Amino acid sequence: MAEKIFVVEDEPRLAALLSDYLRGAGFEAKCISDGKEAVTRVREEAPDLVLLDLMLPGKDGLDVCKEIRVFSSVPIIMVTARVEEIDRLLGLELGADDYICKPFSPREVVARVKAVLRRGGERHAPAHGLALDKERCKAILHGKDLELTVVEFQLLHFLAGHPGQIFSRNKLMDRIYSDQRVVSDRTIDSHVKKLRRKIEVAAAPGEEWIRSVYGAGYKFEPP
């Protein structure tokens, strides 16, 4: 499943160029030109990384970053022509993961994206004794291998990357089954049930990691 990158950039030619390079590197890239729209789309679509320009119409990049951090820990790379140190520090304090200063090479951007995503396995692995190894599809909880299937790991990895955020069954199916196969919406319920059972074996008594939200879906909430 290709990792989804949002390119939040109001210069159409630059956004298209970055998207082409990202797709060439195997990513799924989507362009967004407005700051307000970016916050809504991140909330609804849960990308794997956001390339965020500092100067945007509607809402500037720093405000967008601050709002996203209220509900998501998705990696954010700020893209800016403003290189003053105060901007760099402020951006990092608001939760940016990295900076790229204009002008830049598209190849450099792709390399930075890959580097931040590699770190993302550690960044998004929650505390409380859970570690996720995306390359080997292994999940370790309190030192015990959960022995997950690939689908179970993808489900846990995605939910753990967005702690506290509620996802519907359909949204989870879209993320797990990238081949658009036709499955029942109750398939997710079955995967969650099996995943919970495996987590319970390794978890401390009373710990509940994946919670049901009536009428809405599921969310990851570490104890």
C-alpha atoms as a PDB file:
ATOM      1  CA  MET A   1       0.000   0.000   0.000  1.00  0.00           C
ATOM      2  CA  ALA A   2       1.514   3.316  -1.131  1.00  0.00           C
ATOM      3  CA  GLU A   3       2.020   5.891   1.592  1.00  0.00           C
ATOM      4  CA  LYS A   4      -0.148   8.981   1.117  1.00  0.00           C
ATOM      5  CA  ILE A   5       1.573  12.375   0.985  1.00  0.00           C
ATOM      6  CA  PHE A   6      -0.303  15.688   1.033  1.00  0.00           C
ATOM      7  CA  VAL A   7       1.479  18.462  -0.870  1.00  0.00           C
ATOM      8  CA  VAL A   8       0.028  21.668   0.600  1.00  0.00           C
ATOM      9  CA  GLU A   9       1.344  24.296  -1.792  1.00  0.00           C
ATOM     10  CA  ASP A  10      -0.445  27.191  -3.554  1.00  0.00           C
ATOM     11  CA  GLU A  11       1.980  27.429  -6.492  1.00  0.00           C
ATOM     12  CA  PRO A  12       0.411  24.995  -9.013  1.00  0.00           C
ATOM     13  CA  ARG A  13       3.575  24.314 -11.004  1.00  0.00           C
ATOM     14  CA  LEU A  14       5.645  23.614  -7.898  1.00  0.00           C
ATOM     15  CA  ALA A  15       2.918  21.430  -6.391  1.00  0.00           C
ATOM     16  CA  ALA A  16       2.654  19.428  -9.623  1.00  0.00           C
ATOM     17  CA  LEU A  17       6.436  19.035  -9.815  1.00  0.00           C
ATOM     18  CA  LEU A  18       6.705  17.756  -6.245  1.00  0.00           C
ATOM     19  CA  SER A  19       3.762  15.423  -6.755  1.00  0.00           C
ATOM     20  CA  ASP A  20       5.327  13.949  -9.904  1.00  0.00           C
ATOM     21  CA  TYR A  21       8.601  13.242  -8.085  1.00  0.00           C
ATOM     22  CA  LEU A  22       6.798  11.707  -5.109  1.00  0.00           C
ATOM     23  CA  ARG A  23       4.706   9.467  -7.350  1.00  0.00           C
ATOM     24  CA  GLY A  24       7.872   8.466  -9.184  1.00  0.00           C
ATOM     25  CA  ALA A  25       9.275   7.377  -5.807  1.00  0.00           C
ATOM     26  CA  GLY A  26       6.261   5.162  -5.180  1.00  0.00           C
ATOM     27  CA  PHE A  27       4.128   7.463  -3.034  1.00  0.00           C
ATOM     28  CA  GLU A  28       0.506   8.495  -3.478  1.00  0.00           C
ATOM     29  CA  ALA A  29       0.559  12.295  -3.727  1.00  0.00           C
ATOM     30  CA  LYS A  30      -2.366  14.716  -3.432  1.00  0.00           C
ATOM     31  CA  CYS A  31      -2.161  18.483  -3.944  1.00  0.00           C
ATOM     32  CA  ILE A  32      -3.968  20.983  -1.698  1.00  0.00           C
ATOM     33  CA  SER A  33      -3.662  24.728  -2.296  1.00  0.00           C
ATOM     34  CA  ASP A  34      -5.528  26.209   0.675  1.00  0.00           C
ATOM     35  CA  GLY A  35      -4.654  26.152   4.378  1.00  0.00           C
ATOM     36  CA  LYS A  36      -8.213  25.724   5.650  1.00  0.00           C
ATOM     37  CA  GLU A  37      -8.839  22.856   3.258  1.00  0.00           C
ATOM     38  CA  ALA A  38      -5.589  21.208   4.378  1.00  0.00           C
ATOM     39  CA  VAL A  39      -6.766  20.917   8.002  1.00  0.00           C
ATOM     40  CA  THR A  40     -10.098  19.412   6.930  1.00  0.00           C
ATOM     41  CA  ARG A  41      -8.492  16.943   4.506  1.00  0.00           C
ATOM     42  CA  VAL A  42      -5.918  15.775   7.053  1.00  0.00           C
ATOM     43  CA  ARG A  43      -8.712  15.137   9.542  1.00  0.00           C
ATOM     44  CA  GLU A  44     -10.836  13.243   6.994  1.00  0.00           C
ATOM     45  CA  GLU A  45      -8.204  11.323   5.017  1.00  0.00           C
ATOM     46  CA  ALA A  46      -5.369  10.755   7.515  1.00  0.00           C
ATOM     47  CA  PRO A  47      -2.306  11.001   5.225  1.00  0.00           C
ATOM     48  CA  ASP A  48       1.060   9.469   6.137  1.00  0.00           C
ATOM     49  CA  LEU A  49       2.943  12.781   5.800  1.00  0.00           C
ATOM     50  CA  VAL A  50       2.204  16.440   5.017  1.00  0.00           C
ATOM     51  CA  LEU A  51       4.489  18.709   2.988  1.00  0.00           C
ATOM     52  CA  LEU A  52       3.299  22.083   4.234  1.00  0.00           C
ATOM     53  CA  ASP A  53       4.175  25.422   2.649  1.00  0.00           C
ATOM     54  CA  LEU A  54       4.467  28.283   5.126  1.00  0.00           C
ATOM     55  CA  MET A  55       2.759  30.968   3.005  1.00  0.00           C
ATOM     56  CA  LEU A  56      -0.756  29.809   2.095  1.00  0.00           C
ATOM     57  CA  PRO A  57      -4.090  31.465   1.318  1.00  0.00           C
ATOM     58  CA  GLY A  58      -6.875  30.999   3.846  1.00  0.00           C
ATOM     59  CA  LYS A  59      -4.588  30.006   6.728  1.00  0.00           C
ATOM     60  CA  ASP A  60      -0.794  30.125   6.929  1.00  0.00           C
ATOM     61  CA  GLY A  61       1.349  27.042   7.430  1.00  0.00           C
ATOM     62  CA  LEU A  62       2.146  27.669  11.094  1.00  0.00           C
ATOM     63  CA  ASP A  63      -1.545  27.905  11.985  1.00  0.00           C
ATOM     64  CA  VAL A  64      -2.284  24.814   9.889  1.00  0.00           C
ATOM     65  CA  CYS A  65       0.465  22.897  11.689  1.00  0.00           C
ATOM     66  CA  LYS A  66      -0.838  24.013  15.079  1.00  0.00           C
ATOM     67  CA  GLU A  67      -4.410  22.946  14.267  1.00  0.00           C
ATOM     68  CA  ILE A  68      -3.367  19.564  12.879  1.00  0.00           C
ATOM     69  CA  ARG A  69      -1.393  18.830  16.033  1.00  0.00           C
ATOM     70  CA  VAL A  70      -4.597  19.126  18.075  1.00  0.00           C
ATOM     71  CA  PHE A  71      -5.922  15.886  16.560  1.00  0.00           C
ATOM     72  CA  SER A  72      -3.092  14.145  14.690  1.00  0.00           C
ATOM     73  CA  SER A  73       0.600  13.280  15.038  1.00  0.00           C
ATOM     74  CA  VAL A  74       1.083  12.876  11.268  1.00  0.00           C
ATOM     75  CA  PRO A  75       4.650  13.860  10.254  1.00  0.00           C
ATOM     76  CA  ILE A  76       4.821  17.425   8.895  1.00  0.00           C
ATOM     77  CA  ILE A  77       7.650  18.880   6.802  1.00  0.00           C
ATOM     78  CA  MET A  78       7.476  22.660   6.534  1.00  0.00           C
ATOM     79  CA  VAL A  79       8.437  24.171   3.164  1.00  0.00           C
ATOM     80  CA  THR A  80       9.388  27.837   3.307  1.00  0.00           C
ATOM     81  CA  ALA A  81      11.383  30.674   1.806  1.00  0.00           C
ATOM     82  CA  ARG A  82      11.480  32.396   5.208  1.00  0.00           C
ATOM     83  CA  VAL A  83      14.714  31.214   6.771  1.00  0.00           C
ATOM     84  CA  GLU A  84      14.815  33.409   9.861  1.00  0.00           C
ATOM     85  CA  GLU A  85      15.677  31.360  12.913  1.00  0.00           C
ATOM     86  CA  ILE A  86      12.586  32.522  14.822  1.00  0.00           C
ATOM     87  CA  ASP A  87      10.317  30.985  12.177  1.00  0.00           C
ATOM     88  CA  ARG A  88      12.242  27.734  12.272  1.00  0.00           C
ATOM     89  CA  LEU A  89      12.020  27.512  16.070  1.00  0.00           C
ATOM     90  CA  LEU A  90       8.350  28.478  16.142  1.00  0.00           C
ATOM     91  CA  GLY A  91       7.507  25.866  13.547  1.00  0.00           C
ATOM     92  CA  LEU A  92       9.264  23.139  15.475  1.00  0.00           C
ATOM     93  CA  GLU A  93       7.602  24.178  18.717  1.00  0.00           C
ATOM     94  CA  LEU A  94       4.227  23.819  16.995  1.00  0.00           C
ATOM     95  CA  GLY A  95       5.059  20.273  16.015  1.00  0.00           C
ATOM     96  CA  ALA A  96       6.817  20.316  12.636  1.00  0.00           C
ATOM     97  CA  ASP A  97       9.142  17.348  12.073  1.00  0.00           C
ATOM     98  CA  ASP A  98      11.522  18.958   9.579  1.00  0.00           C
ATOM     99  CA  TYR A  99      12.164  22.030   7.405  1.00  0.00           C
ATOM    100  CA  ILE A 100      13.023  22.463   3.745  1.00  0.00           C
ATOM    101  CA  CYS A 101      14.007  25.942   2.579  1.00  0.00           C
ATOM    102  CA  LYS A 102      13.287  27.256  -0.915  1.00  0.00           C
ATOM    103  CA  PRO A 103      14.844  26.988  -3.423  1.00  0.00           C
ATOM    104  CA  PHE A 104      15.316  23.221  -3.229  1.00  0.00           C
ATOM    105  CA  SER A 105      15.753  20.173  -5.418  1.00  0.00           C
ATOM    106  CA  PRO A 106      12.687  17.918  -5.771  1.00  0.00           C
ATOM    107  CA  ARG A 107      15.034  14.982  -5.185  1.00  0.00           C
ATOM    108  CA  GLU A 108      16.011  16.509  -1.851  1.00  0.00           C
ATOM    109  CA  VAL A 109      12.336  16.749  -0.905  1.00  0.00           C
ATOM    110  CA  VAL A 110      11.783  13.071  -1.730  1.00  0.00           C
ATOM    111  CA  ALA A 111      14.861  12.137   0.324  1.00  0.00           C
ATOM    112  CA  ARG A 112      13.610  14.183   3.293  1.00  0.00           C
ATOM    113  CA  VAL A 113      10.165  12.595   3.035  1.00  0.00           C
ATOM    114  CA  LYS A 114      11.686   9.110   3.106  1.00  0.00           C
ATOM    115  CA  ALA A 115      13.896  10.019   6.070  1.00  0.00           C
ATOM    116  CA  VAL A 116      11.017  11.443   8.111  1.00  0.00           C
ATOM    117  CA  LEU A 117       8.829   8.434   7.328  1.00  0.00           C
ATOM    118  CA  ARG A 118      11.632   6.110   8.445  1.00  0.00           C
ATOM    119  CA  ARG A 119      11.773   7.999  11.724  1.00  0.00           C
ATOM    120  CA  GLY A 120       7.994   7.875  11.827  1.00  0.00           C
ATOM    121  CA  GLY A 121       8.044   4.245  12.938  1.00  0.00           C
ATOM    122  CA  GLU A 122       9.727   5.422  16.129  1.00  0.00           C
ATOM    123  CA  ARG A 123       7.824   8.702  16.384  1.00  0.00           C
ATOM    124  CA  HIS A 124       4.422   7.112  16.059  1.00  0.00           C
ATOM    125  CA  ALA A 125       5.145   4.021  18.071  1.00  0.00           C
ATOM    126  CA  PRO A 126       3.251   4.965  21.214  1.00  0.00           C
ATOM    127  CA  ALA A 127       4.693   4.708  24.665  1.00  0.00           C
ATOM    128  CA  HIS A 128       3.414   2.251  27.250  1.00  0.00           C
ATOM    129  CA  GLY A 129       5.520  -0.604  25.933  1.00  0.00           C
ATOM    130  CA  LEU A 130       4.302  -0.905  22.323  1.00  0.00           C
ATOM    131  CA  ALA A 131       6.854  -0.965  19.488  1.00  0.00           C
ATOM    132  CA  LEU A 132       5.996  -1.319  15.795  1.00  0.00           C
ATOM    133  CA  ASP A 133       8.388  -2.533  13.086  1.00  0.00           C
ATOM    134  CA  LYS A 134       6.771  -1.675   9.753  1.00  0.00           C
ATOM    135  CA  GLU A 135       9.370  -3.385   7.574  1.00  0.00           C
ATOM    136  CA  ARG A 136       8.853  -6.757   9.287  1.00  0.00           C
ATOM    137  CA  CYS A 137       5.178  -6.212  10.219  1.00  0.00           C
ATOM    138  CA  LYS A 138       5.977  -7.000  13.843  1.00  0.00           C
ATOM    139  CA  ALA A 139       4.337  -5.538  16.930  1.00  0.00           C
ATOM    140  CA  ILE A 140       5.943  -5.953  20.346  1.00  0.00           C
ATOM    141  CA  LEU A 141       3.937  -5.144  23.482  1.00  0.00           C
ATOM    142  CA  HIS A 142       5.654  -5.261  26.868  1.00  0.00           C
ATOM    143  CA  GLY A 143       8.396  -7.380  25.267  1.00  0.00           C
ATOM    144  CA  LYS A 144       5.974  -9.921  23.758  1.00  0.00           C
ATOM    145  CA  ASP A 145       5.510 -10.503  20.028  1.00  0.00           C
ATOM    146  CA  LEU A 146       1.794 -10.110  19.243  1.00  0.00           C
ATOM    147  CA  GLU A 147       2.189 -12.409  16.202  1.00  0.00           C
ATOM    148  CA  LEU A 148      -0.115 -10.350  14.005  1.00  0.00           C
ATOM    149  CA  THR A 149      -1.196 -11.080  10.466  1.00  0.00           C
ATOM    150  CA  VAL A 150      -0.240  -8.493   7.844  1.00  0.00           C
ATOM    151  CA  VAL A 151      -3.757  -7.031   7.867  1.00  0.00           C
ATOM    152  CA  GLU A 152      -3.845  -6.895  11.677  1.00  0.00           C
ATOM    153  CA  PHE A 153      -0.481  -5.140  11.724  1.00  0.00           C
ATOM    154  CA  GLN A 154      -1.588  -2.601   9.105  1.00  0.00           C
ATOM    155  CA  LEU A 155      -4.692  -1.876  11.149  1.00  0.00           C
ATOM    156  CA  LEU A 156      -2.739  -1.407  14.383  1.00  0.00           C
ATOM    157  CA  HIS A 157      -0.001   0.640  12.699  1.00  0.00           C
ATOM    158  CA  PHE A 158      -2.517   3.001  11.123  1.00  0.00           C
ATOM    159  CA  LEU A 159      -4.579   3.487  14.277  1.00  0.00           C
ATOM    160  CA  ALA A 160      -1.455   3.922  16.434  1.00  0.00           C
ATOM    161  CA  GLY A 161      -0.223   6.620  14.053  1.00  0.00           C
ATOM    162  CA  HIS A 162      -3.326   8.685  14.806  1.00  0.00           C
ATOM    163  CA  PRO A 163      -3.989   8.290  18.547  1.00  0.00           C
ATOM    164  CA  GLY A 164      -7.376   9.506  19.725  1.00  0.00           C
ATOM    165  CA  GLN A 165      -8.696  10.013  16.192  1.00  0.00           C
ATOM    166  CA  ILE A 166     -11.909   8.165  15.320  1.00  0.00           C
ATOM    167  CA  PHE A 167     -12.068   6.245  12.043  1.00  0.00           C
ATOM    168  CA  SER A 168     -15.153   4.708  10.469  1.00  0.00           C
ATOM    169  CA  ARG A 169     -15.141   1.125   9.218  1.00  0.00           C
ATOM    170  CA  ASN A 170     -15.157   2.350   5.624  1.00  0.00           C
ATOM    171  CA  LYS A 171     -12.152   4.596   6.203  1.00  0.00           C
ATOM    172  CA  LEU A 172     -10.214   1.738   7.792  1.00  0.00           C
ATOM    173  CA  MET A 173     -11.108  -0.579   4.920  1.00  0.00           C
ATOM    174  CA  ASP A 174      -9.850   2.018   2.417  1.00  0.00           C
ATOM    175  CA  ARG A 175      -6.514   2.164   4.234  1.00  0.00           C
ATOM    176  CA  ILE A 176      -6.061  -1.579   4.633  1.00  0.00           C
ATOM    177  CA  TYR A 177      -7.442  -2.858   1.336  1.00  0.00           C
ATOM    178  CA  SER A 178      -5.734  -0.622  -1.224  1.00  0.00           C
ATOM    179  CA  ASP A 179      -6.788  -2.976  -4.048  1.00  0.00           C
ATOM    180  CA  GLN A 180     -10.402  -1.837  -3.546  1.00  0.00           C
ATOM    181  CA  ARG A 181     -11.661  -5.398  -3.032  1.00  0.00           C
ATOM    182  CA  VAL A 182     -15.280  -5.784  -2.041  1.00  0.00           C
ATOM    183  CA  VAL A 183     -15.599  -6.813   1.612  1.00  0.00           C
ATOM    184  CA  SER A 184     -18.281  -6.482   4.248  1.00  0.00           C
ATOM    185  CA  ASP A 185     -18.018  -3.514   6.587  1.00  0.00           C
ATOM    186  CA  ARG A 186     -18.119  -6.083   9.398  1.00  0.00           C
ATOM    187  CA  THR A 187     -14.755  -7.405   8.205  1.00  0.00           C
ATOM    188  CA  ILE A 188     -13.106  -4.591  10.177  1.00  0.00           C
ATOM    189  CA  ASP A 189     -15.032  -5.658  13.281  1.00  0.00           C
ATOM    190  CA  SER A 190     -13.576  -9.150  12.900  1.00  0.00           C
ATOM    191  CA  HIS A 191     -10.018  -7.813  12.512  1.00  0.00           C
ATOM    192  CA  VAL A 192     -10.419  -5.524  15.523  1.00  0.00           C
ATOM    193  CA  LYS A 193     -11.784  -8.377  17.634  1.00  0.00           C
ATOM    194  CA  LYS A 194      -8.799 -10.602  16.784  1.00  0.00           C
ATOM    195  CA  LEU A 195      -6.371  -7.734  17.322  1.00  0.00           C
ATOM    196  CA  ARG A 196      -7.845  -6.932  20.731  1.00  0.00           C
ATOM    197  CA  ARG A 197      -7.610 -10.594  21.734  1.00  0.00           C
ATOM    198  CA  LYS A 198      -3.903 -10.702  20.870  1.00  0.00           C
ATOM    199  CA  ILE A 199      -3.231  -7.424  22.663  1.00  0.00           C
ATOM    200  CA  GLU A 200      -5.019  -8.657  25.793  1.00  0.00           C
ATOM    201  CA  VAL A 201      -2.620 -11.589  26.061  1.00  0.00           C
ATOM    202  CA  ALA A 202       0.383  -9.248  26.346  1.00  0.00           C
ATOM    203  CA  ALA A 203      -1.234  -6.196  27.972  1.00  0.00           C
ATOM    204  CA  ALA A 204      -1.377  -5.398  31.638  1.00  0.00           C
ATOM    205  CA  PRO A 205      -4.696  -6.189  33.363  1.00  0.00           C
ATOM    206  CA  GLY A 206      -7.398  -3.675  32.492  1.00  0.00           C
ATOM    207  CA  GLU A 207      -5.542  -2.102  29.566  1.00  0.00           C
ATOM    208  CA  GLU A 208      -7.752  -1.274  26.566  1.00  0.00           C
ATOM    209  CA  TRP A 209      -5.875  -0.062  23.491  1.00  0.00           C
ATOM    210  CA  ILE A 210      -8.549   0.048  20.777  1.00  0.00           C
ATOM    211  CA  ARG A 211     -11.878   1.537  21.741  1.00  0.00           C
ATOM    212  CA  SER A 212     -15.247   1.375  19.987  1.00  0.00           C
ATOM    213  CA  VAL A 213     -17.078   4.655  19.478  1.00  0.00           C
ATOM    214  CA  TYR A 214     -20.774   3.914  19.095  1.00  0.00           C
ATOM    215  CA  GLY A 215     -22.076   4.837  15.645  1.00  0.00           C
ATOM    216  CA  ALA A 216     -18.702   6.223  14.537  1.00  0.00           C
ATOM    217  CA  GLY A 217     -15.999   3.538  14.425  1.00  0.00           C
ATOM    218  CA  TYR A 218     -12.782   2.894  16.317  1.00  0.00           C
ATOM    219  CA  LYS A 219      -9.932   4.845  17.861  1.00  0.00           C
ATOM    220  CA  PHE A 220      -6.521   3.995  19.299  1.00  0.00           C
ATOM    221  CA  GLU A 221      -6.190   5.163  22.889  1.00  0.00           C
ATOM    222  CA  PRO A 222      -3.173   3.924  24.859  1.00  0.00           C
ATOM    223  CA  PRO A 223      -3.865   3.283  28.548  1.00  0.00           C
END
